[in-house]
Amino acid sequence: MSFGNFDWLLLLRKHCYQLLKELVLKLKSSPELPKVSCIISDAATTSFEGKVAKDLGIPEVQFFTASARGFMGYLQFDDLVKRGILPFKGPLHLPARNFLQGDHFKPL
């Protein structure tokens, strides 16, 4: 079985719904453990957690786990707009294209 590209994500989506649902039901039925009060999930990669939460009537919180590079982009967005770099005016104005043509893009 290959785990290249996004095969692992397809496996999560295919098999983990039932496994998570069984685990939560087992936790809910245990008198020694605290009740399951919510399910916290990663909204960027999977969706089975939300279906389990809905099916079992448990609140769900979704987080979007962006990469460090994406986070830095969010932090710099306002400055990029103020400097006129964003929004791009079209494909000829993309920084990567200008860089490849020798007009080196000046980093922030």
N, C-alpha and C. Protein backbone atom coordinates (compact mmCIF):
# COMPACT_ATOMS: atom_id res chain seq x y z
N MET A 1 0.85 -1.19 0.00
CA MET A 1 0.00 0.00 0.00
C MET A 1 0.88 1.24 0.00
N SER A 2 0.63 2.14 -0.89
CA SER A 2 1.40 3.38 -1.00
C SER A 2 0.82 4.45 -0.09
N PHE A 3 1.70 5.24 0.51
CA PHE A 3 1.25 6.38 1.32
C PHE A 3 1.77 7.68 0.73
N GLY A 4 2.00 7.69 -0.57
CA GLY A 4 2.45 8.90 -1.22
C GLY A 4 1.29 9.85 -1.44
N ASN A 5 1.63 11.06 -1.76
CA ASN A 5 0.64 12.11 -2.02
C ASN A 5 -0.37 12.20 -0.89
N PHE A 6 -1.62 11.97 -1.19
CA PHE A 6 -2.67 12.12 -0.18
C PHE A 6 -3.38 10.81 0.13
N ASP A 7 -2.71 9.68 -0.11
CA ASP A 7 -3.31 8.38 0.19
C ASP A 7 -3.70 8.27 1.66
N TRP A 8 -2.86 8.81 2.54
CA TRP A 8 -3.13 8.74 3.98
C TRP A 8 -4.42 9.48 4.32
N LEU A 9 -4.68 10.57 3.61
CA LEU A 9 -5.90 11.34 3.87
C LEU A 9 -7.13 10.56 3.44
N LEU A 10 -7.03 9.86 2.32
CA LEU A 10 -8.15 9.03 1.87
C LEU A 10 -8.41 7.90 2.86
N LEU A 11 -7.35 7.33 3.41
CA LEU A 11 -7.52 6.28 4.42
C LEU A 11 -8.20 6.83 5.67
N LEU A 12 -7.81 8.02 6.09
CA LEU A 12 -8.47 8.64 7.26
C LEU A 12 -9.96 8.80 7.01
N ARG A 13 -10.28 9.37 5.86
CA ARG A 13 -11.69 9.62 5.55
C ARG A 13 -12.49 8.34 5.42
N LYS A 14 -11.86 7.28 4.94
CA LYS A 14 -12.57 6.03 4.71
C LYS A 14 -12.80 5.24 6.00
N HIS A 15 -11.80 5.21 6.89
CA HIS A 15 -11.85 4.30 8.03
C HIS A 15 -12.04 4.96 9.39
N CYS A 16 -11.68 6.20 9.54
CA CYS A 16 -11.64 6.78 10.88
C CYS A 16 -12.99 7.20 11.43
N TYR A 17 -13.97 7.44 10.57
CA TYR A 17 -15.29 7.81 11.08
C TYR A 17 -15.80 6.74 12.06
N GLN A 18 -15.83 5.50 11.61
CA GLN A 18 -16.36 4.43 12.45
C GLN A 18 -15.50 4.21 13.68
N LEU A 19 -14.19 4.28 13.52
CA LEU A 19 -13.29 4.09 14.67
C LEU A 19 -13.48 5.17 15.72
N LEU A 20 -13.58 6.43 15.28
CA LEU A 20 -13.79 7.53 16.23
C LEU A 20 -15.15 7.41 16.90
N LYS A 21 -16.16 7.07 16.13
CA LYS A 21 -17.51 6.94 16.69
C LYS A 21 -17.53 5.85 17.76
N GLU A 22 -16.91 4.70 17.49
CA GLU A 22 -16.85 3.63 18.49
C GLU A 22 -16.10 4.07 19.75
N LEU A 23 -15.00 4.80 19.57
CA LEU A 23 -14.24 5.29 20.71
C LEU A 23 -15.06 6.24 21.57
N VAL A 24 -15.74 7.19 20.94
CA VAL A 24 -16.54 8.17 21.68
C VAL A 24 -17.69 7.47 22.40
N LEU A 25 -18.33 6.53 21.74
CA LEU A 25 -19.41 5.79 22.40
C LEU A 25 -18.89 5.00 23.61
N LYS A 26 -17.72 4.43 23.48
CA LYS A 26 -17.10 3.69 24.59
C LYS A 26 -16.77 4.64 25.74
N LEU A 27 -16.24 5.81 25.42
CA LEU A 27 -15.92 6.80 26.45
C LEU A 27 -17.18 7.31 27.14
N LYS A 28 -18.23 7.54 26.35
CA LYS A 28 -19.49 8.04 26.92
C LYS A 28 -20.15 7.02 27.85
N SER A 29 -19.93 5.74 27.58
CA SER A 29 -20.60 4.71 28.39
C SER A 29 -19.80 4.33 29.64
N SER A 30 -18.60 4.86 29.78
CA SER A 30 -17.77 4.52 30.93
C SER A 30 -18.11 5.41 32.11
N PRO A 31 -18.54 4.82 33.26
CA PRO A 31 -18.87 5.64 34.42
C PRO A 31 -17.63 6.22 35.11
N GLU A 32 -16.45 5.66 34.84
CA GLU A 32 -15.24 6.14 35.50
C GLU A 32 -14.62 7.36 34.82
N LEU A 33 -15.00 7.63 33.59
CA LEU A 33 -14.39 8.72 32.82
C LEU A 33 -15.31 9.93 32.74
N PRO A 34 -14.72 11.11 32.63
CA PRO A 34 -15.55 12.31 32.42
C PRO A 34 -16.29 12.21 31.09
N LYS A 35 -17.42 12.89 31.01
CA LYS A 35 -18.19 12.89 29.76
C LYS A 35 -17.41 13.56 28.65
N VAL A 36 -17.65 13.12 27.43
CA VAL A 36 -17.09 13.79 26.25
C VAL A 36 -17.91 15.05 26.04
N SER A 37 -17.28 16.22 26.22
CA SER A 37 -18.02 17.48 26.15
C SER A 37 -17.97 18.12 24.77
N CYS A 38 -16.96 17.80 23.97
CA CYS A 38 -16.88 18.32 22.61
C CYS A 38 -15.83 17.53 21.84
N ILE A 39 -15.86 17.69 20.54
CA ILE A 39 -14.86 17.09 19.67
C ILE A 39 -14.14 18.24 18.98
N ILE A 40 -12.81 18.22 19.06
CA ILE A 40 -11.98 19.25 18.43
C ILE A 40 -11.34 18.61 17.20
N SER A 41 -11.49 19.27 16.06
CA SER A 41 -10.98 18.68 14.82
C SER A 41 -10.19 19.68 13.99
N ASP A 42 -9.47 19.13 13.03
CA ASP A 42 -8.69 19.92 12.09
C ASP A 42 -9.52 20.11 10.83
N ALA A 43 -10.00 21.31 10.62
CA ALA A 43 -10.88 21.59 9.49
C ALA A 43 -10.15 21.55 8.15
N ALA A 44 -8.84 21.61 8.19
CA ALA A 44 -8.09 21.68 6.93
C ALA A 44 -7.93 20.33 6.25
N THR A 45 -7.99 19.23 6.98
CA THR A 45 -7.68 17.96 6.35
C THR A 45 -8.80 16.94 6.38
N THR A 46 -9.56 16.86 7.43
CA THR A 46 -10.55 15.79 7.55
C THR A 46 -11.91 16.36 7.91
N SER A 47 -12.94 15.53 7.75
CA SER A 47 -14.30 15.99 8.08
C SER A 47 -15.07 14.95 8.88
N PHE A 48 -14.49 13.77 9.09
CA PHE A 48 -15.23 12.72 9.76
C PHE A 48 -15.55 13.07 11.21
N GLU A 49 -14.72 13.90 11.85
CA GLU A 49 -14.97 14.26 13.25
C GLU A 49 -16.29 15.01 13.40
N GLY A 50 -16.56 15.91 12.46
CA GLY A 50 -17.80 16.67 12.51
C GLY A 50 -19.02 15.79 12.33
N LYS A 51 -18.91 14.79 11.48
CA LYS A 51 -20.03 13.86 11.28
C LYS A 51 -20.26 13.04 12.54
N VAL A 52 -19.19 12.59 13.19
CA VAL A 52 -19.33 11.86 14.45
C VAL A 52 -20.00 12.75 15.50
N ALA A 53 -19.53 13.98 15.62
CA ALA A 53 -20.10 14.91 16.60
C ALA A 53 -21.59 15.13 16.33
N LYS A 54 -21.95 15.35 15.08
CA LYS A 54 -23.36 15.58 14.72
C LYS A 54 -24.20 14.33 15.01
N ASP A 55 -23.68 13.17 14.60
CA ASP A 55 -24.43 11.93 14.80
C ASP A 55 -24.66 11.61 16.28
N LEU A 56 -23.72 12.01 17.14
CA LEU A 56 -23.83 11.70 18.56
C LEU A 56 -24.33 12.88 19.40
N GLY A 57 -24.63 14.00 18.75
CA GLY A 57 -25.15 15.16 19.46
C GLY A 57 -24.13 15.83 20.37
N ILE A 58 -22.88 15.83 19.95
CA ILE A 58 -21.79 16.42 20.73
C ILE A 58 -21.32 17.69 20.01
N PRO A 59 -21.11 18.79 20.73
CA PRO A 59 -20.59 20.00 20.07
C PRO A 59 -19.21 19.74 19.45
N GLU A 60 -18.94 20.45 18.37
CA GLU A 60 -17.65 20.30 17.69
C GLU A 60 -17.02 21.66 17.49
N VAL A 61 -15.70 21.72 17.64
CA VAL A 61 -14.92 22.92 17.36
C VAL A 61 -13.92 22.55 16.28
N GLN A 62 -13.89 23.35 15.21
CA GLN A 62 -12.94 23.09 14.13
C GLN A 62 -11.86 24.16 14.13
N PHE A 63 -10.63 23.72 14.04
CA PHE A 63 -9.49 24.62 13.90
C PHE A 63 -8.89 24.43 12.52
N PHE A 64 -8.43 25.52 11.95
CA PHE A 64 -7.71 25.44 10.69
C PHE A 64 -6.24 25.55 11.02
N THR A 65 -5.51 24.48 10.85
CA THR A 65 -4.10 24.44 11.23
C THR A 65 -3.24 24.83 10.03
N ALA A 66 -3.02 26.10 9.89
CA ALA A 66 -2.22 26.60 8.76
C ALA A 66 -0.74 26.35 9.02
N SER A 67 0.01 26.31 7.95
CA SER A 67 1.46 26.15 8.08
C SER A 67 2.07 27.47 8.56
N ALA A 68 3.32 27.40 8.98
CA ALA A 68 4.03 28.61 9.41
C ALA A 68 4.11 29.61 8.26
N ARG A 69 4.33 29.10 7.04
CA ARG A 69 4.42 29.98 5.88
C ARG A 69 3.07 30.67 5.64
N GLY A 70 1.98 29.91 5.76
CA GLY A 70 0.66 30.51 5.59
C GLY A 70 0.36 31.53 6.67
N PHE A 71 0.75 31.22 7.91
CA PHE A 71 0.54 32.15 9.02
C PHE A 71 1.28 33.47 8.78
N MET A 72 2.52 33.39 8.31
CA MET A 72 3.28 34.60 8.02
C MET A 72 2.60 35.41 6.91
N GLY A 73 2.02 34.70 5.95
CA GLY A 73 1.28 35.39 4.89
C GLY A 73 0.09 36.16 5.45
N TYR A 74 -0.63 35.53 6.39
CA TYR A 74 -1.75 36.22 7.03
C TYR A 74 -1.28 37.46 7.78
N LEU A 75 -0.15 37.34 8.48
CA LEU A 75 0.37 38.47 9.25
C LEU A 75 0.80 39.62 8.35
N GLN A 76 1.31 39.31 7.17
CA GLN A 76 1.83 40.33 6.26
C GLN A 76 0.79 40.87 5.29
N PHE A 77 -0.41 40.32 5.28
CA PHE A 77 -1.40 40.65 4.25
C PHE A 77 -1.70 42.15 4.19
N ASP A 78 -2.00 42.78 5.33
CA ASP A 78 -2.34 44.21 5.33
C ASP A 78 -1.21 45.05 4.76
N ASP A 79 0.03 44.72 5.12
CA ASP A 79 1.17 45.47 4.61
C ASP A 79 1.32 45.28 3.10
N LEU A 80 1.06 44.07 2.62
CA LEU A 80 1.15 43.81 1.18
C LEU A 80 0.11 44.63 0.41
N VAL A 81 -1.08 44.79 0.98
CA VAL A 81 -2.11 45.61 0.34
C VAL A 81 -1.70 47.08 0.37
N LYS A 82 -1.20 47.56 1.51
CA LYS A 82 -0.78 48.97 1.63
C LYS A 82 0.34 49.31 0.65
N ARG A 83 1.23 48.35 0.40
CA ARG A 83 2.35 48.57 -0.51
C ARG A 83 1.97 48.37 -1.98
N GLY A 84 0.73 47.98 -2.24
CA GLY A 84 0.25 47.80 -3.61
C GLY A 84 0.68 46.49 -4.25
N ILE A 85 1.24 45.59 -3.46
CA ILE A 85 1.64 44.29 -4.01
C ILE A 85 0.42 43.41 -4.22
N LEU A 86 -0.55 43.51 -3.33
CA LEU A 86 -1.82 42.80 -3.45
C LEU A 86 -2.93 43.80 -3.61
N PRO A 87 -3.99 43.53 -4.30
CA PRO A 87 -4.20 42.32 -5.08
C PRO A 87 -3.37 42.37 -6.37
N PHE A 88 -3.03 41.19 -6.89
CA PHE A 88 -2.28 41.13 -8.14
C PHE A 88 -3.13 41.72 -9.25
N LYS A 89 -2.47 42.40 -10.15
CA LYS A 89 -3.18 43.06 -11.26
C LYS A 89 -3.41 42.12 -12.44
N GLY A 90 -2.88 40.93 -12.38
CA GLY A 90 -3.02 39.97 -13.46
C GLY A 90 -1.79 39.07 -13.50
N PRO A 91 -1.79 38.10 -14.41
CA PRO A 91 -0.68 37.13 -14.42
C PRO A 91 0.68 37.75 -14.72
N LEU A 92 0.72 38.86 -15.43
CA LEU A 92 2.01 39.48 -15.73
C LEU A 92 2.61 40.18 -14.52
N HIS A 93 1.83 40.40 -13.49
CA HIS A 93 2.31 41.11 -12.31
C HIS A 93 2.62 40.19 -11.14
N LEU A 94 2.54 38.91 -11.33
CA LEU A 94 2.84 37.99 -10.24
C LEU A 94 4.32 38.07 -9.91
N PRO A 95 4.68 38.14 -8.63
CA PRO A 95 6.09 38.25 -8.24
C PRO A 95 6.96 37.12 -8.78
N ALA A 96 6.47 35.89 -8.78
CA ALA A 96 7.28 34.77 -9.25
C ALA A 96 7.63 34.95 -10.73
N ARG A 97 6.68 35.41 -11.50
CA ARG A 97 6.93 35.60 -12.94
C ARG A 97 7.97 36.70 -13.13
N ASN A 98 7.86 37.82 -12.40
CA ASN A 98 8.83 38.90 -12.51
C ASN A 98 10.22 38.43 -12.08
N PHE A 99 10.26 37.60 -11.04
CA PHE A 99 11.53 37.07 -10.57
C PHE A 99 12.19 36.24 -11.66
N LEU A 100 11.40 35.41 -12.30
CA LEU A 100 11.95 34.56 -13.35
C LEU A 100 12.43 35.37 -14.56
N GLN A 101 11.85 36.55 -14.74
CA GLN A 101 12.25 37.39 -15.86
C GLN A 101 13.42 38.30 -15.49
N GLY A 102 13.92 38.19 -14.26
CA GLY A 102 15.09 38.97 -13.86
C GLY A 102 14.77 40.21 -13.04
N ASP A 103 13.51 40.61 -12.97
CA ASP A 103 13.11 41.75 -12.14
C ASP A 103 12.87 41.21 -10.73
N HIS A 104 13.93 41.06 -9.97
CA HIS A 104 13.85 40.36 -8.69
C HIS A 104 12.88 41.03 -7.72
N PHE A 105 12.00 40.21 -7.20
CA PHE A 105 11.00 40.64 -6.23
C PHE A 105 11.69 40.99 -4.93
N LYS A 106 11.39 42.16 -4.39
CA LYS A 106 12.01 42.59 -3.14
C LYS A 106 11.23 42.04 -1.97
N PRO A 107 11.87 41.25 -1.10
CA PRO A 107 11.15 40.67 0.05
C PRO A 107 10.76 41.74 1.04
N LEU A 108 9.77 41.39 1.85
CA LEU A 108 9.32 42.32 2.89
C LEU A 108 10.42 42.43 3.90
